[in-house]
PDB file of N, CA and C in Angstrom:
ATOM      1  N   MET A   1     194.765  97.867 175.423  1.00  0.00           N
ATOM      2  CA  MET A   1     194.060  97.029 174.440  1.00  0.00           C
ATOM      3  C   MET A   1     192.535  97.226 174.645  1.00  0.00           C
ATOM      4  N   ALA A   2     191.804  97.461 173.584  1.00  0.00           N
ATOM      5  CA  ALA A   2     190.413  97.701 173.644  1.00  0.00           C
ATOM      6  C   ALA A   2     189.653  96.368 173.988  1.00  0.00           C
ATOM      7  N   GLN A   3     188.636  96.510 174.715  1.00  0.00           N
ATOM      8  CA  GLN A   3     187.889  95.359 175.144  1.00  0.00           C
ATOM      9  C   GLN A   3     186.902  94.875 173.982  1.00  0.00           C
ATOM     10  N   ALA A   4     186.663  93.614 173.906  1.00  0.00           N
ATOM     11  CA  ALA A   4     185.725  93.125 172.848  1.00  0.00           C
ATOM     12  C   ALA A   4     184.349  93.616 173.241  1.00  0.00           C
ATOM     13  N   LEU A   5     183.564  93.751 172.175  1.00  0.00           N
ATOM     14  CA  LEU A   5     182.192  94.147 172.415  1.00  0.00           C
ATOM     15  C   LEU A   5     181.429  92.986 173.002  1.00  0.00           C
ATOM     16  N   PRO A   6     180.485  93.340 173.891  1.00  0.00           N
ATOM     17  CA  PRO A   6     179.668  92.371 174.583  1.00  0.00           C
ATOM     18  C   PRO A   6     178.780  91.526 173.516  1.00  0.00           C
ATOM     19  N   LYS A   7     178.462  90.348 173.914  1.00  0.00           N
ATOM     20  CA  LYS A   7     177.699  89.485 173.079  1.00  0.00           C
ATOM     21  C   LYS A   7     176.411  90.122 172.563  1.00  0.00           C
ATOM     22  N   ASN A   8     175.673  90.767 173.497  1.00  0.00           N
ATOM     23  CA  ASN A   8     174.369  91.342 173.084  1.00  0.00           C
ATOM     24  C   ASN A   8     174.587  92.435 172.046  1.00  0.00           C
ATOM     25  N   VAL A   9     175.714  93.157 172.142  1.00  0.00           N
ATOM     26  CA  VAL A   9     176.015  94.172 171.092  1.00  0.00           C
ATOM     27  C   VAL A   9     176.311  93.555 169.790  1.00  0.00           C
ATOM     28  N   LEU A  10     177.158  92.524 169.817  1.00  0.00           N
ATOM     29  CA  LEU A  10     177.520  91.820 168.608  1.00  0.00           C
ATOM     30  C   LEU A  10     176.298  91.213 167.940  1.00  0.00           C
ATOM     31  N   ASP A  11     175.415  90.639 168.737  1.00  0.00           N
ATOM     32  CA  ASP A  11     174.162  90.074 168.194  1.00  0.00           C
ATOM     33  C   ASP A  11     173.299  91.112 167.575  1.00  0.00           C
ATOM     34  N   CYS A  12     173.225  92.274 168.215  1.00  0.00           N
ATOM     35  CA  CYS A  12     172.417  93.353 167.708  1.00  0.00           C
ATOM     36  C   CYS A  12     173.032  93.943 166.379  1.00  0.00           C
ATOM     37  N   ILE A  13     174.291  94.021 166.371  1.00  0.00           N
ATOM     38  CA  ILE A  13     175.022  94.444 165.106  1.00  0.00           C
ATOM     39  C   ILE A  13     174.722  93.466 163.964  1.00  0.00           C
ATOM     40  N   ALA A  14     174.788  92.177 164.304  1.00  0.00           N
ATOM     41  CA  ALA A  14     174.497  91.164 163.272  1.00  0.00           C
ATOM     42  C   ALA A  14     173.055  91.285 162.770  1.00  0.00           C
ATOM     43  N   ALA A  15     172.152  91.459 163.696  1.00  0.00           N
ATOM     44  CA  ALA A  15     170.712  91.544 163.345  1.00  0.00           C
ATOM     45  C   ALA A  15     170.478  92.820 162.516  1.00  0.00           C
ATOM     46  N   CYS A  16     171.104  93.917 162.844  1.00  0.00           N
ATOM     47  CA  CYS A  16     170.959  95.194 162.129  1.00  0.00           C
ATOM     48  C   CYS A  16     171.571  95.076 160.729  1.00  0.00           C
ATOM     49  N   ASN A  17     172.723  94.393 160.573  1.00  0.00           N
ATOM     50  CA  ASN A  17     173.307  94.198 159.307  1.00  0.00           C
ATOM     51  C   ASN A  17     172.433  93.360 158.426  1.00  0.00           C
ATOM     52  N   ALA A  18     171.887  92.276 158.935  1.00  0.00           N
ATOM     53  CA  ALA A  18     170.946  91.366 158.163  1.00  0.00           C
ATOM     54  C   ALA A  18     169.691  92.174 157.812  1.00  0.00           C
ATOM     55  N   CYS A  19     169.216  92.947 158.682  1.00  0.00           N
ATOM     56  CA  CYS A  19     167.962  93.689 158.447  1.00  0.00           C
ATOM     57  C   CYS A  19     168.222  94.759 157.324  1.00  0.00           C
ATOM     58  N   GLU A  20     169.344  95.421 157.418  1.00  0.00           N
ATOM     59  CA  GLU A  20     169.692  96.379 156.358  1.00  0.00           C
ATOM     60  C   GLU A  20     169.705  95.747 154.988  1.00  0.00           C
ATOM     61  N   VAL A  21     170.358  94.648 154.857  1.00  0.00           N
ATOM     62  CA  VAL A  21     170.425  93.958 153.605  1.00  0.00           C
ATOM     63  C   VAL A  21     169.029  93.509 153.151  1.00  0.00           C
ATOM     64  N   ALA A  22     168.200  92.949 154.041  1.00  0.00           N
ATOM     65  CA  ALA A  22     166.849  92.519 153.668  1.00  0.00           C
ATOM     66  C   ALA A  22     166.044  93.690 153.226  1.00  0.00           C
ATOM     67  N   CYS A  23     166.175  94.848 153.914  1.00  0.00           N
ATOM     68  CA  CYS A  23     165.360  96.010 153.568  1.00  0.00           C
ATOM     69  C   CYS A  23     165.780  96.549 152.194  1.00  0.00           C
ATOM     70  N   LEU A  24     167.085  96.694 151.997  1.00  0.00           N
ATOM     71  CA  LEU A  24     167.564  97.139 150.648  1.00  0.00           C
ATOM     72  C   LEU A  24     167.100  96.214 149.534  1.00  0.00           C
ATOM     73  N   HIS A  25     167.182  94.917 149.748  1.00  0.00           N
ATOM     74  CA  HIS A  25     166.778  93.980 148.792  1.00  0.00           C
ATOM     75  C   HIS A  25     165.241  94.104 148.501  1.00  0.00           C
ATOM     76  N   CYS A  26     164.469  94.238 149.613  1.00  0.00           N
ATOM     77  CA  CYS A  26     163.066  94.385 149.537  1.00  0.00           C
ATOM     78  C   CYS A  26     162.652  95.624 148.733  1.00  0.00           C
ATOM     79  N   ALA A  27     163.337  96.711 149.006  1.00  0.00           N
ATOM     80  CA  ALA A  27     163.023  97.969 148.328  1.00  0.00           C
ATOM     81  C   ALA A  27     163.343  97.848 146.837  1.00  0.00           C
ATOM     82  N   SER A  28     164.447  97.260 146.528  1.00  0.00           N
ATOM     83  CA  SER A  28     164.869  97.021 145.140  1.00  0.00           C
ATOM     84  C   SER A  28     163.845  96.110 144.420  1.00  0.00           C
ATOM     85  N   ALA A  29     163.466  95.067 145.050  1.00  0.00           N
ATOM     86  CA  ALA A  29     162.498  94.112 144.483  1.00  0.00           C
ATOM     87  C   ALA A  29     161.135  94.769 144.316  1.00  0.00           C
ATOM     88  N   CYS A  30     160.747  95.588 145.262  1.00  0.00           N
ATOM     89  CA  CYS A  30     159.463  96.303 145.220  1.00  0.00           C
ATOM     90  C   CYS A  30     159.411  97.206 143.960  1.00  0.00           C
ATOM     91  N   LEU A  31     160.543  97.799 143.677  1.00  0.00           N
ATOM     92  CA  LEU A  31     160.657  98.666 142.478  1.00  0.00           C
ATOM     93  C   LEU A  31     160.437  97.934 141.152  1.00  0.00           C
ATOM     94  N   GLN A  32     160.617  96.604 141.239  1.00  0.00           N
ATOM     95  CA  GLN A  32     160.422  95.790 140.029  1.00  0.00           C
ATOM     96  C   GLN A  32     158.992  95.235 139.897  1.00  0.00           C
ATOM     97  N   GLU A  33     158.162  95.457 140.945  1.00  0.00           N
ATOM     98  CA  GLU A  33     156.820  94.978 140.942  1.00  0.00           C
ATOM     99  C   GLU A  33     155.987  95.746 139.868  1.00  0.00           C
ATOM    100  N   PRO A  34     155.010  95.106 139.294  1.00  0.00           N
ATOM    101  CA  PRO A  34     154.157  95.726 138.268  1.00  0.00           C
ATOM    102  C   PRO A  34     153.480  97.004 138.751  1.00  0.00           C
ATOM    103  N   ASP A  35     152.957  96.989 139.968  1.00  0.00           N
ATOM    104  CA  ASP A  35     152.285  98.156 140.536  1.00  0.00           C
ATOM    105  C   ASP A  35     153.227  98.799 141.612  1.00  0.00           C
ATOM    106  N   VAL A  36     154.168  99.567 141.139  1.00  0.00           N
ATOM    107  CA  VAL A  36     155.168 100.147 142.050  1.00  0.00           C
ATOM    108  C   VAL A  36     154.483 101.161 143.011  1.00  0.00           C
ATOM    109  N   LYS A  37     153.474 101.847 142.509  1.00  0.00           N
ATOM    110  CA  LYS A  37     152.762 102.827 143.371  1.00  0.00           C
ATOM    111  C   LYS A  37     152.150 102.117 144.616  1.00  0.00           C
ATOM    112  N   MET A  38     151.662 100.952 144.381  1.00  0.00           N
ATOM    113  CA  MET A  38     151.062 100.195 145.537  1.00  0.00           C
ATOM    114  C   MET A  38     152.173  99.849 146.580  1.00  0.00           C
ATOM    115  N   MET A  39     153.411  99.805 146.147  1.00  0.00           N
ATOM    116  CA  MET A  39     154.531  99.421 147.044  1.00  0.00           C
ATOM    117  C   MET A  39     155.220 100.624 147.642  1.00  0.00           C
ATOM    118  N   ALA A  40     154.746 101.860 147.360  1.00  0.00           N
ATOM    119  CA  ALA A  40     155.487 103.041 147.763  1.00  0.00           C
ATOM    120  C   ALA A  40     155.747 103.082 149.308  1.00  0.00           C
ATOM    121  N   ARG A  41     154.728 102.780 150.076  1.00  0.00           N
ATOM    122  CA  ARG A  41     154.890 102.787 151.548  1.00  0.00           C
ATOM    123  C   ARG A  41     155.892 101.755 152.014  1.00  0.00           C
ATOM    124  N   CYS A  42     155.831 100.578 151.383  1.00  0.00           N
ATOM    125  CA  CYS A  42     156.778  99.525 151.718  1.00  0.00           C
ATOM    126  C   CYS A  42     158.235  99.948 151.433  1.00  0.00           C
ATOM    127  N   ILE A  43     158.455 100.543 150.224  1.00  0.00           N
ATOM    128  CA  ILE A  43     159.746 101.025 149.849  1.00  0.00           C
ATOM    129  C   ILE A  43     160.263 102.105 150.803  1.00  0.00           C
ATOM    130  N   ALA A  44     159.346 103.006 151.177  1.00  0.00           N
ATOM    131  CA  ALA A  44     159.736 104.097 152.132  1.00  0.00           C
ATOM    132  C   ALA A  44     160.139 103.534 153.467  1.00  0.00           C
ATOM    133  N   ARG A  45     159.353 102.614 154.003  1.00  0.00           N
ATOM    134  CA  ARG A  45     159.742 101.908 155.280  1.00  0.00           C
ATOM    135  C   ARG A  45     160.969 101.133 155.156  1.00  0.00           C
ATOM    136  N   ASP A  46     161.208 100.419 154.038  1.00  0.00           N
ATOM    137  CA  ASP A  46     162.469  99.719 153.834  1.00  0.00           C
ATOM    138  C   ASP A  46     163.672 100.686 153.887  1.00  0.00           C
ATOM    139  N   MET A  47     163.564 101.807 153.253  1.00  0.00           N
ATOM    140  CA  MET A  47     164.660 102.740 153.163  1.00  0.00           C
ATOM    141  C   MET A  47     164.966 103.382 154.536  1.00  0.00           C
ATOM    142  N   ASP A  48     163.905 103.748 155.277  1.00  0.00           N
ATOM    143  CA  ASP A  48     164.096 104.278 156.627  1.00  0.00           C
ATOM    144  C   ASP A  48     164.762 103.320 157.541  1.00  0.00           C
ATOM    145  N   CYS A  49     164.223 102.066 157.439  1.00  0.00           N
ATOM    146  CA  CYS A  49     164.761 100.974 158.329  1.00  0.00           C
ATOM    147  C   CYS A  49     166.220 100.719 158.013  1.00  0.00           C
ATOM    148  N   ALA A  50     166.545 100.585 156.668  1.00  0.00           N
ATOM    149  CA  ALA A  50     167.965 100.315 156.319  1.00  0.00           C
ATOM    150  C   ALA A  50     168.912 101.384 156.797  1.00  0.00           C
ATOM    151  N   GLN A  51     168.454 102.617 156.657  1.00  0.00           N
ATOM    152  CA  GLN A  51     169.380 103.777 157.097  1.00  0.00           C
ATOM    153  C   GLN A  51     169.581 103.759 158.600  1.00  0.00           C
ATOM    154  N   LEU A  52     168.474 103.488 159.348  1.00  0.00           N
ATOM    155  CA  LEU A  52     168.643 103.488 160.849  1.00  0.00           C
ATOM    156  C   LEU A  52     169.449 102.291 161.269  1.00  0.00           C
ATOM    157  N   CYS A  53     169.310 101.126 160.616  1.00  0.00           N
ATOM    158  CA  CYS A  53     170.147  99.981 160.967  1.00  0.00           C
ATOM    159  C   CYS A  53     171.585 100.260 160.712  1.00  0.00           C
ATOM    160  N   GLN A  54     171.877 100.886 159.591  1.00  0.00           N
ATOM    161  CA  GLN A  54     173.289 101.178 159.284  1.00  0.00           C
ATOM    162  C   GLN A  54     173.880 102.201 160.344  1.00  0.00           C
ATOM    163  N   THR A  55     173.103 103.088 160.711  1.00  0.00           N
ATOM    164  CA  THR A  55     173.587 104.142 161.681  1.00  0.00           C
ATOM    165  C   THR A  55     173.729 103.461 163.081  1.00  0.00           C
ATOM    166  N   ALA A  56     172.826 102.628 163.424  1.00  0.00           N
ATOM    167  CA  ALA A  56     172.882 101.943 164.725  1.00  0.00           C
ATOM    168  C   ALA A  56     174.124 101.025 164.787  1.00  0.00           C
ATOM    169  N   VAL A  57     174.428 100.325 163.668  1.00  0.00           N
ATOM    170  CA  VAL A  57     175.678  99.479 163.670  1.00  0.00           C
ATOM    171  C   VAL A  57     176.869 100.433 163.951  1.00  0.00           C
ATOM    172  N   ALA A  58     176.954 101.503 163.252  1.00  0.00           N
ATOM    173  CA  ALA A  58     178.120 102.379 163.385  1.00  0.00           C
ATOM    174  C   ALA A  58     178.241 102.917 164.868  1.00  0.00           C
ATOM    175  N   LEU A  59     177.143 103.271 165.449  1.00  0.00           N
ATOM    176  CA  LEU A  59     177.199 103.732 166.900  1.00  0.00           C
ATOM    177  C   LEU A  59     177.564 102.625 167.833  1.00  0.00           C
ATOM    178  N   MET A  60     176.980 101.476 167.633  1.00  0.00           N
ATOM    179  CA  MET A  60     177.332 100.287 168.497  1.00  0.00           C
ATOM    180  C   MET A  60     178.763  99.893 168.380  1.00  0.00           C
ATOM    181  N   ALA A  61     179.245  99.806 167.133  1.00  0.00           N
ATOM    182  CA  ALA A  61     180.655  99.382 166.848  1.00  0.00           C
ATOM    183  C   ALA A  61     181.603 100.384 167.498  1.00  0.00           C
ATOM    184  N   GLY A  62     181.237 101.682 167.512  1.00  0.00           N
ATOM    185  CA  GLY A  62     182.120 102.696 168.078  1.00  0.00           C
ATOM    186  C   GLY A  62     181.926 102.867 169.561  1.00  0.00           C
ATOM    187  N   GLY A  63     181.008 102.156 170.164  1.00  0.00           N
ATOM    188  CA  GLY A  63     180.813 102.248 171.611  1.00  0.00           C
ATOM    189  C   GLY A  63     180.220 103.531 172.052  1.00  0.00           C
ATOM    190  N   SER A  64     179.393 104.185 171.131  1.00  0.00           N
ATOM    191  CA  SER A  64     178.812 105.459 171.424  1.00  0.00           C
ATOM    192  C   SER A  64     177.745 105.291 172.606  1.00  0.00           C
ATOM    193  N   ASP A  65     177.702 106.313 173.433  1.00  0.00           N
ATOM    194  CA  ASP A  65     176.684 106.278 174.504  1.00  0.00           C
ATOM    195  C   ASP A  65     175.308 106.676 173.932  1.00  0.00           C
ATOM    196  N   LEU A  66     175.279 107.043 172.672  1.00  0.00           N
ATOM    197  CA  LEU A  66     173.956 107.310 172.018  1.00  0.00           C
ATOM    198  C   LEU A  66     173.366 106.086 171.383  1.00  0.00           C
ATOM    199  N   ALA A  67     174.118 104.955 171.403  1.00  0.00           N
ATOM    200  CA  ALA A  67     173.627 103.751 170.733  1.00  0.00           C
ATOM    201  C   ALA A  67     172.322 103.218 171.319  1.00  0.00           C
ATOM    202  N   PRO A  68     172.153 103.188 172.613  1.00  0.00           N
ATOM    203  CA  PRO A  68     170.856 102.669 173.167  1.00  0.00           C
ATOM    204  C   PRO A  68     169.646 103.534 172.687  1.00  0.00           C
ATOM    205  N   ALA A  69     169.816 104.850 172.653  1.00  0.00           N
ATOM    206  CA  ALA A  69     168.710 105.722 172.243  1.00  0.00           C
ATOM    207  C   ALA A  69     168.412 105.430 170.741  1.00  0.00           C
ATOM    208  N   LEU A  70     169.434 105.353 169.903  1.00  0.00           N
ATOM    209  CA  LEU A  70     169.212 105.112 168.576  1.00  0.00           C
ATOM    210  C   LEU A  70     168.634 103.708 168.274  1.00  0.00           C
ATOM    211  N   CYS A  71     169.038 102.732 169.102  1.00  0.00           N
ATOM    212  CA  CYS A  71     168.528 101.378 168.982  1.00  0.00           C
ATOM    213  C   CYS A  71     166.966 101.395 169.253  1.00  0.00           C
ATOM    214  N   LYS A  72     166.539 102.301 170.158  1.00  0.00           N
ATOM    215  CA  LYS A  72     165.129 102.375 170.504  1.00  0.00           C
ATOM    216  C   LYS A  72     164.364 102.917 169.199  1.00  0.00           C
ATOM    217  N   VAL A  73     164.902 103.867 168.553  1.00  0.00           N
ATOM    218  CA  VAL A  73     164.314 104.356 167.316  1.00  0.00           C
ATOM    219  C   VAL A  73     164.377 103.278 166.212  1.00  0.00           C
ATOM    220  N   CYS A  74     165.506 102.610 166.126  1.00  0.00           N
ATOM    221  CA  CYS A  74     165.659 101.549 165.147  1.00  0.00           C
ATOM    222  C   CYS A  74     164.642 100.491 165.373  1.00  0.00           C
ATOM    223  N   GLU A  75     164.404 100.103 166.646  1.00  0.00           N
ATOM    224  CA  GLU A  75     163.383  99.110 166.980  1.00  0.00           C
ATOM    225  C   GLU A  75     162.009  99.563 166.401  1.00  0.00           C
ATOM    226  N   GLN A  76     161.682 100.838 166.631  1.00  0.00           N
ATOM    227  CA  GLN A  76     160.403 101.382 166.113  1.00  0.00           C
ATOM    228  C   GLN A  76     160.282 101.252 164.580  1.00  0.00           C
ATOM    229  N   ALA A  77     161.399 101.638 163.898  1.00  0.00           N
ATOM    230  CA  ALA A  77     161.433 101.574 162.455  1.00  0.00           C
ATOM    231  C   ALA A  77     161.302 100.171 161.937  1.00  0.00           C
ATOM    232  N   CYS A  78     161.958  99.213 162.625  1.00  0.00           N
ATOM    233  CA  CYS A  78     161.946  97.819 162.278  1.00  0.00           C
ATOM    234  C   CYS A  78     160.527  97.262 162.392  1.00  0.00           C
ATOM    235  N   ARG A  79     159.853  97.617 163.523  1.00  0.00           N
ATOM    236  CA  ARG A  79     158.487  97.083 163.745  1.00  0.00           C
ATOM    237  C   ARG A  79     157.532  97.652 162.669  1.00  0.00           C
ATOM    238  N   ALA A  80     157.738  98.943 162.384  1.00  0.00           N
ATOM    239  CA  ALA A  80     156.846  99.593 161.336  1.00  0.00           C
ATOM    240  C   ALA A  80     157.085  98.946 160.006  1.00  0.00           C
ATOM    241  N   CYS A  81     158.334  98.666 159.670  1.00  0.00           N
ATOM    242  CA  CYS A  81     158.662  98.066 158.391  1.00  0.00           C
ATOM    243  C   CYS A  81     158.110  96.663 158.346  1.00  0.00           C
ATOM    244  N   ALA A  82     158.226  95.880 159.385  1.00  0.00           N
ATOM    245  CA  ALA A  82     157.684  94.506 159.428  1.00  0.00           C
ATOM    246  C   ALA A  82     156.205  94.537 159.211  1.00  0.00           C
ATOM    247  N   GLU A  83     155.506  95.505 159.895  1.00  0.00           N
ATOM    248  CA  GLU A  83     154.090  95.582 159.815  1.00  0.00           C
ATOM    249  C   GLU A  83     153.640  95.895 158.384  1.00  0.00           C
ATOM    250  N   GLU A  84     154.423  96.704 157.722  1.00  0.00           N
ATOM    251  CA  GLU A  84     154.026  97.052 156.316  1.00  0.00           C
ATOM    252  C   GLU A  84     154.339  95.863 155.365  1.00  0.00           C
ATOM    253  N   CYS A  85     155.570  95.295 155.483  1.00  0.00           N
ATOM    254  CA  CYS A  85     155.942  94.184 154.630  1.00  0.00           C
ATOM    255  C   CYS A  85     155.072  92.998 154.711  1.00  0.00           C
ATOM    256  N   VAL A  86     154.629  92.689 155.925  1.00  0.00           N
ATOM    257  CA  VAL A  86     153.790  91.512 156.117  1.00  0.00           C
ATOM    258  C   VAL A  86     152.439  91.545 155.323  1.00  0.00           C
ATOM    259  N   LYS A  87     152.051  92.725 155.007  1.00  0.00           N
ATOM    260  CA  LYS A  87     150.798  92.948 154.233  1.00  0.00           C
ATOM    261  C   LYS A  87     150.920  92.469 152.785  1.00  0.00           C
ATOM    262  N   HIS A  88     152.115  92.281 152.303  1.00  0.00           N
ATOM    263  CA  HIS A  88     152.391  91.923 150.929  1.00  0.00           C
ATOM    264  C   HIS A  88     152.787  90.431 150.767  1.00  0.00           C
ATOM    265  N   ASP A  89     152.237  89.765 149.792  1.00  0.00           N
ATOM    266  CA  ASP A  89     152.463  88.344 149.611  1.00  0.00           C
ATOM    267  C   ASP A  89     153.885  87.948 149.073  1.00  0.00           C
ATOM    268  N   MET A  90     154.563  88.926 148.475  1.00  0.00           N
ATOM    269  CA  MET A  90     155.821  88.670 147.844  1.00  0.00           C
ATOM    270  C   MET A  90     156.829  88.058 148.824  1.00  0.00           C
ATOM    271  N   ASP A  91     157.623  87.117 148.328  1.00  0.00           N
ATOM    272  CA  ASP A  91     158.620  86.514 149.134  1.00  0.00           C
ATOM    273  C   ASP A  91     159.599  87.513 149.796  1.00  0.00           C
ATOM    274  N   HIS A  92     160.061  88.489 148.972  1.00  0.00           N
ATOM    275  CA  HIS A  92     161.022  89.444 149.516  1.00  0.00           C
ATOM    276  C   HIS A  92     160.405  90.258 150.654  1.00  0.00           C
ATOM    277  N   CYS A  93     159.124  90.561 150.581  1.00  0.00           N
ATOM    278  CA  CYS A  93     158.467  91.286 151.686  1.00  0.00           C
ATOM    279  C   CYS A  93     158.390  90.455 152.912  1.00  0.00           C
ATOM    280  N   GLN A  94     157.973  89.164 152.778  1.00  0.00           N
ATOM    281  CA  GLN A  94     157.901  88.270 153.930  1.00  0.00           C
ATOM    282  C   GLN A  94     159.277  88.034 154.584  1.00  0.00           C
ATOM    283  N   GLN A  95     160.312  87.902 153.808  1.00  0.00           N
ATOM    284  CA  GLN A  95     161.664  87.690 154.346  1.00  0.00           C
ATOM    285  C   GLN A  95     162.124  88.952 155.023  1.00  0.00           C
ATOM    286  N   CYS A  96     161.797  90.113 154.489  1.00  0.00           N
ATOM    287  CA  CYS A  96     162.155  91.394 155.082  1.00  0.00           C
ATOM    288  C   CYS A  96     161.446  91.535 156.415  1.00  0.00           C
ATOM    289  N   ALA A  97     160.135  91.213 156.453  1.00  0.00           N
ATOM    290  CA  ALA A  97     159.380  91.322 157.703  1.00  0.00           C
ATOM    291  C   ALA A  97     160.028  90.492 158.826  1.00  0.00           C
ATOM    292  N   GLU A  98     160.456  89.281 158.427  1.00  0.00           N
ATOM    293  CA  GLU A  98     161.076  88.421 159.439  1.00  0.00           C
ATOM    294  C   GLU A  98     162.407  88.991 159.916  1.00  0.00           C
ATOM    295  N   ALA A  99     163.238  89.518 159.010  1.00  0.00           N
ATOM    296  CA  ALA A  99     164.501  90.138 159.418  1.00  0.00           C
ATOM    297  C   ALA A  99     164.252  91.343 160.295  1.00  0.00           C
ATOM    298  N   CYS A 100     163.244  92.111 159.999  1.00  0.00           N
ATOM    299  CA  CYS A 100     162.849  93.281 160.743  1.00  0.00           C
ATOM    300  C   CYS A 100     162.440  92.946 162.185  1.00  0.00           C
ATOM    301  N   ARG A 101     161.636  91.875 162.258  1.00  0.00           N
ATOM    302  CA  ARG A 101     161.210  91.466 163.648  1.00  0.00           C
ATOM    303  C   ARG A 101     162.410  91.000 164.482  1.00  0.00           C
ATOM    304  N   ARG A 102     163.308  90.206 163.880  1.00  0.00           N
ATOM    305  CA  ARG A 102     164.504  89.759 164.617  1.00  0.00           C
ATOM    306  C   ARG A 102     165.341  90.997 165.054  1.00  0.00           C
ATOM    307  N   CYS A 103     165.498  91.980 164.176  1.00  0.00           N
ATOM    308  CA  CYS A 103     166.241  93.137 164.473  1.00  0.00           C
ATOM    309  C   CYS A 103     165.562  93.996 165.544  1.00  0.00           C
ATOM    310  N   ALA A 104     164.254  94.115 165.460  1.00  0.00           N
ATOM    311  CA  ALA A 104     163.512  94.858 166.492  1.00  0.00           C
ATOM    312  C   ALA A 104     163.705  94.264 167.887  1.00  0.00           C
ATOM    313  N   ASP A 105     163.690  92.949 167.970  1.00  0.00           N
ATOM    314  CA  ASP A 105     163.880  92.272 169.243  1.00  0.00           C
ATOM    315  C   ASP A 105     165.294  92.532 169.748  1.00  0.00           C
ATOM    316  N   ALA A 106     166.291  92.438 168.865  1.00  0.00           N
ATOM    317  CA  ALA A 106     167.678  92.664 169.247  1.00  0.00           C
ATOM    318  C   ALA A 106     167.900  94.142 169.706  1.00  0.00           C
ATOM    319  N   CYS A 107     167.297  95.068 168.948  1.00  0.00           N
ATOM    320  CA  CYS A 107     167.396  96.488 169.291  1.00  0.00           C
ATOM    321  C   CYS A 107     166.684  96.769 170.637  1.00  0.00           C
ATOM    322  N   ALA A 108     165.558  96.118 170.870  1.00  0.00           N
ATOM    323  CA  ALA A 108     164.822  96.305 172.155  1.00  0.00           C
ATOM    324  C   ALA A 108     165.699  95.936 173.331  1.00  0.00           C
ATOM    325  N   SER A 109     166.431  94.841 173.249  1.00  0.00           N
ATOM    326  CA  SER A 109     167.344  94.426 174.318  1.00  0.00           C
ATOM    327  C   SER A 109     168.507  95.386 174.487  1.00  0.00           C
ATOM    328  N   MET A 110     168.984  96.022 173.374  1.00  0.00           N
ATOM    329  CA  MET A 110     170.035  97.018 173.469  1.00  0.00           C
ATOM    330  C   MET A 110     169.548  98.293 174.085  1.00  0.00           C
ATOM    331  N   ALA A 111     168.312  98.673 173.793  1.00  0.00           N
ATOM    332  CA  ALA A 111     167.768  99.937 174.291  1.00  0.00           C
ATOM    333  C   ALA A 111     167.380  99.830 175.755  1.00  0.00           C
ATOM    334  N   ALA A 112     167.246  98.610 176.262  1.00  0.00           N
ATOM    335  CA  ALA A 112     166.766  98.429 177.655  1.00  0.00           C
ATOM    336  C   ALA A 112     167.904  98.814 178.632  1.00  0.00           C
TER     337      ALA A 112
END
C-alpha cells in the first residue's frame, strides 16, 4: 500500500493549484483590459507561473525526486509574478499576487 503524501507536500500541492487558477484567471482578465499591451508582461508572468505550478503538482503527486528542484524554479516564477501583479490596481492582479506569494512560500519549504 502506498504511503500518504506528507502534509508539507499536500500543502504545497494545494498552494500550487490555487496559484495556477489565480494566474490563469489573471491572464484572462488582463486580456479584457482596455490597454492589453500594458498588461503584456503580467500576462506572460501569469502563464509561466501557471505552467510551472501545474508541472510542480504533477511531480509532487508522483513522488518525483525532481520535485524539490522544480519547486525552487516555481518559487522564483511565483515571486516574479507577484512582483509584476502587485504593480497593477486591478482586483484580479492583487488576488493573483497574494496567491503567488503563498505558493512561493510553500514551494520554498519544499525546495529546502
